[in-house]
Amino acid sequence: MITPAVVAFSARQASGKSIVSTAVAEELGWARAGFGDYLRGLAASRGLSTEREVLQKIGERLVRDNLEQFCRDVLASGGWIPGRGIVLDGIRHSQTLGVLKDIVAPMPVILIYLDVPDS
């Protein structure tokens, strides 16, 4: 049995984070959530565009105003239960990683950076 953890993916946009994180979550049988998925859902619920620039502005505001709540909301959007593993994608700020570690402690947080060529 694999020890529950938060496995978080970071990479630039359109690098395949969602595809890889979904496959990892399915293989492990863990919940999955994405910061981008959460932002798209939030924008749509507010009747806003889901274009990248709009999502970036919403995300920047959530990070600035209450990063801990933003992280908790993303975890909840994936159905995370404390003590159970979850796969996250879309880590964009080092401070987000620290906040996630505090929220899920004592569970480990593993950050994986996908470095893929532009092609």
C-alpha atoms as a PDB file:
ATOM      1  CA  MET A   1       0.000   0.000   0.000  1.00  0.00           C
ATOM      2  CA  ILE A   2       1.243   3.476  -0.868  1.00  0.00           C
ATOM      3  CA  THR A   3       1.422   6.026   1.941  1.00  0.00           C
ATOM      4  CA  PRO A   4      -1.112   8.823   1.379  1.00  0.00           C
ATOM      5  CA  ALA A   5       0.452  12.047   0.183  1.00  0.00           C
ATOM      6  CA  VAL A   6      -0.232  15.119  -1.865  1.00  0.00           C
ATOM      7  CA  VAL A   7       1.404  14.667  -5.254  1.00  0.00           C
ATOM      8  CA  ALA A   8       1.514  18.096  -6.869  1.00  0.00           C
ATOM      9  CA  PHE A   9       2.428  18.877 -10.458  1.00  0.00           C
ATOM     10  CA  SER A  10       3.884  22.096 -11.756  1.00  0.00           C
ATOM     11  CA  ALA A  11       4.790  23.037 -15.319  1.00  0.00           C
ATOM     12  CA  ARG A  12       4.129  25.726 -17.840  1.00  0.00           C
ATOM     13  CA  GLN A  13       0.763  25.940 -19.534  1.00  0.00           C
ATOM     14  CA  ALA A  14      -0.187  23.325 -22.140  1.00  0.00           C
ATOM     15  CA  SER A  15       2.566  20.974 -20.960  1.00  0.00           C
ATOM     16  CA  GLY A  16       0.305  18.016 -20.181  1.00  0.00           C
ATOM     17  CA  LYS A  17      -0.086  18.481 -16.404  1.00  0.00           C
ATOM     18  CA  SER A  18      -3.770  17.631 -16.453  1.00  0.00           C
ATOM     19  CA  ILE A  19      -3.289  14.495 -18.530  1.00  0.00           C
ATOM     20  CA  VAL A  20      -0.418  13.251 -16.366  1.00  0.00           C
ATOM     21  CA  SER A  21      -2.058  14.158 -13.049  1.00  0.00           C
ATOM     22  CA  THR A  22      -5.317  12.485 -14.076  1.00  0.00           C
ATOM     23  CA  ALA A  23      -3.476   9.293 -15.048  1.00  0.00           C
ATOM     24  CA  VAL A  24      -1.514   9.273 -11.775  1.00  0.00           C
ATOM     25  CA  ALA A  25      -4.664   9.830  -9.698  1.00  0.00           C
ATOM     26  CA  GLU A  26      -6.465   7.022 -11.524  1.00  0.00           C
ATOM     27  CA  GLU A  27      -3.538   4.648 -11.100  1.00  0.00           C
ATOM     28  CA  LEU A  28      -3.281   5.378  -7.368  1.00  0.00           C
ATOM     29  CA  GLY A  29      -7.050   5.484  -6.833  1.00  0.00           C
ATOM     30  CA  TRP A  30      -6.721   8.945  -5.280  1.00  0.00           C
ATOM     31  CA  ALA A  31      -8.741  12.122  -5.641  1.00  0.00           C
ATOM     32  CA  ARG A  32      -7.531  14.748  -8.118  1.00  0.00           C
ATOM     33  CA  ALA A  33      -7.948  18.504  -8.251  1.00  0.00           C
ATOM     34  CA  GLY A  34      -6.472  21.259 -10.368  1.00  0.00           C
ATOM     35  CA  PHE A  35      -5.992  24.920  -9.600  1.00  0.00           C
ATOM     36  CA  GLY A  36      -6.906  25.718 -13.221  1.00  0.00           C
ATOM     37  CA  ASP A  37      -9.997  23.501 -13.048  1.00  0.00           C
ATOM     38  CA  TYR A  38     -11.092  25.265  -9.885  1.00  0.00           C
ATOM     39  CA  LEU A  39     -10.570  28.702 -11.439  1.00  0.00           C
ATOM     40  CA  ARG A  40     -12.487  27.761 -14.597  1.00  0.00           C
ATOM     41  CA  GLY A  41     -15.410  26.553 -12.480  1.00  0.00           C
ATOM     42  CA  LEU A  42     -15.334  29.689 -10.330  1.00  0.00           C
ATOM     43  CA  ALA A  43     -15.234  31.980 -13.376  1.00  0.00           C
ATOM     44  CA  ALA A  44     -18.110  30.118 -15.028  1.00  0.00           C
ATOM     45  CA  SER A  45     -20.193  30.284 -11.835  1.00  0.00           C
ATOM     46  CA  ARG A  46     -19.681  34.069 -11.812  1.00  0.00           C
ATOM     47  CA  GLY A  47     -20.626  34.388 -15.477  1.00  0.00           C
ATOM     48  CA  LEU A  48     -17.075  35.366 -16.435  1.00  0.00           C
ATOM     49  CA  SER A  49     -14.977  34.310 -19.383  1.00  0.00           C
ATOM     50  CA  THR A  50     -12.684  31.332 -18.886  1.00  0.00           C
ATOM     51  CA  GLU A  51      -9.955  32.847 -21.035  1.00  0.00           C
ATOM     52  CA  ARG A  52      -6.446  32.555 -19.623  1.00  0.00           C
ATOM     53  CA  GLU A  53      -6.076  36.240 -18.797  1.00  0.00           C
ATOM     54  CA  VAL A  54      -9.321  36.279 -16.789  1.00  0.00           C
ATOM     55  CA  LEU A  55      -8.365  33.128 -14.902  1.00  0.00           C
ATOM     56  CA  GLN A  56      -4.927  34.560 -14.104  1.00  0.00           C
ATOM     57  CA  LYS A  57      -6.489  37.699 -12.625  1.00  0.00           C
ATOM     58  CA  ILE A  58      -8.913  35.679 -10.502  1.00  0.00           C
ATOM     59  CA  GLY A  59      -6.083  33.423  -9.334  1.00  0.00           C
ATOM     60  CA  GLU A  60      -3.816  36.353  -8.485  1.00  0.00           C
ATOM     61  CA  ARG A  61      -6.569  37.891  -6.399  1.00  0.00           C
ATOM     62  CA  LEU A  62      -7.277  34.649  -4.536  1.00  0.00           C
ATOM     63  CA  VAL A  63      -3.557  34.193  -3.828  1.00  0.00           C
ATOM     64  CA  ARG A  64      -3.273  37.769  -2.579  1.00  0.00           C
ATOM     65  CA  ASP A  65      -6.484  37.847  -0.525  1.00  0.00           C
ATOM     66  CA  ASN A  66      -6.453  34.447   1.187  1.00  0.00           C
ATOM     67  CA  LEU A  67      -4.087  31.825  -0.164  1.00  0.00           C
ATOM     68  CA  GLU A  68      -4.942  29.323   2.555  1.00  0.00           C
ATOM     69  CA  GLN A  69      -8.658  29.434   1.734  1.00  0.00           C
ATOM     70  CA  PHE A  70      -7.886  29.186  -1.981  1.00  0.00           C
ATOM     71  CA  CYS A  71      -5.835  26.023  -1.357  1.00  0.00           C
ATOM     72  CA  ARG A  72      -8.544  24.562   0.900  1.00  0.00           C
ATOM     73  CA  ASP A  73     -11.172  25.268  -1.762  1.00  0.00           C
ATOM     74  CA  VAL A  74      -9.111  23.562  -4.462  1.00  0.00           C
ATOM     75  CA  LEU A  75      -8.583  20.513  -2.229  1.00  0.00           C
ATOM     76  CA  ALA A  76     -12.312  20.406  -1.468  1.00  0.00           C
ATOM     77  CA  SER A  77     -13.169  20.700  -5.163  1.00  0.00           C
ATOM     78  CA  GLY A  78     -11.383  17.398  -5.704  1.00  0.00           C
ATOM     79  CA  GLY A  79     -13.152  15.719  -2.811  1.00  0.00           C
ATOM     80  CA  TRP A  80     -10.030  15.512  -0.641  1.00  0.00           C
ATOM     81  CA  ILE A  81     -10.482  13.978   2.794  1.00  0.00           C
ATOM     82  CA  PRO A  82      -7.735  14.601   5.401  1.00  0.00           C
ATOM     83  CA  GLY A  83      -5.442  11.598   5.634  1.00  0.00           C
ATOM     84  CA  ARG A  84      -6.158  10.436   2.094  1.00  0.00           C
ATOM     85  CA  GLY A  85      -3.953  10.961  -0.931  1.00  0.00           C
ATOM     86  CA  ILE A  86      -4.705  13.517  -3.616  1.00  0.00           C
ATOM     87  CA  VAL A  87      -3.067  14.544  -6.859  1.00  0.00           C
ATOM     88  CA  LEU A  88      -3.010  18.272  -7.616  1.00  0.00           C
ATOM     89  CA  ASP A  89      -2.036  20.088 -10.736  1.00  0.00           C
ATOM     90  CA  GLY A  90      -1.233  23.692 -11.376  1.00  0.00           C
ATOM     91  CA  ILE A  91       1.121  24.733  -8.568  1.00  0.00           C
ATOM     92  CA  ARG A  92       2.352  28.137  -9.690  1.00  0.00           C
ATOM     93  CA  HIS A  93       3.728  29.802  -6.558  1.00  0.00           C
ATOM     94  CA  SER A  94       6.294  28.534  -4.047  1.00  0.00           C
ATOM     95  CA  GLN A  95       4.186  30.014  -1.247  1.00  0.00           C
ATOM     96  CA  THR A  96       1.290  27.792  -2.365  1.00  0.00           C
ATOM     97  CA  LEU A  97       3.437  24.747  -1.701  1.00  0.00           C
ATOM     98  CA  GLY A  98       4.167  25.941   1.841  1.00  0.00           C
ATOM     99  CA  VAL A  99       0.504  26.593   2.576  1.00  0.00           C
ATOM    100  CA  LEU A 100      -0.467  23.172   1.228  1.00  0.00           C
ATOM    101  CA  LYS A 101       2.146  21.542   3.469  1.00  0.00           C
ATOM    102  CA  ASP A 102       0.630  23.286   6.493  1.00  0.00           C
ATOM    103  CA  ILE A 103      -2.935  22.287   5.559  1.00  0.00           C
ATOM    104  CA  VAL A 104      -2.229  18.593   4.960  1.00  0.00           C
ATOM    105  CA  ALA A 105       0.413  18.037   7.678  1.00  0.00           C
ATOM    106  CA  PRO A 106       1.638  15.535   8.698  1.00  0.00           C
ATOM    107  CA  MET A 107       1.040  14.093   5.232  1.00  0.00           C
ATOM    108  CA  PRO A 108       3.962  14.646   2.838  1.00  0.00           C
ATOM    109  CA  VAL A 109       3.688  16.917  -0.184  1.00  0.00           C
ATOM    110  CA  ILE A 110       5.659  15.837  -3.235  1.00  0.00           C
ATOM    111  CA  LEU A 111       6.180  18.404  -5.990  1.00  0.00           C
ATOM    112  CA  ILE A 112       6.870  17.147  -9.498  1.00  0.00           C
ATOM    113  CA  TYR A 113       7.921  19.613 -12.173  1.00  0.00           C
ATOM    114  CA  LEU A 114       7.202  18.496 -15.728  1.00  0.00           C
ATOM    115  CA  ASP A 115       9.873  19.902 -17.986  1.00  0.00           C
ATOM    116  CA  VAL A 116       8.729  19.209 -21.526  1.00  0.00           C
ATOM    117  CA  PRO A 117      10.082  20.629 -24.758  1.00  0.00           C
ATOM    118  CA  ASP A 118       8.068  23.306 -26.540  1.00  0.00           C
ATOM    119  CA  SER A 119       7.510  20.984 -29.483  1.00  0.00           C
END
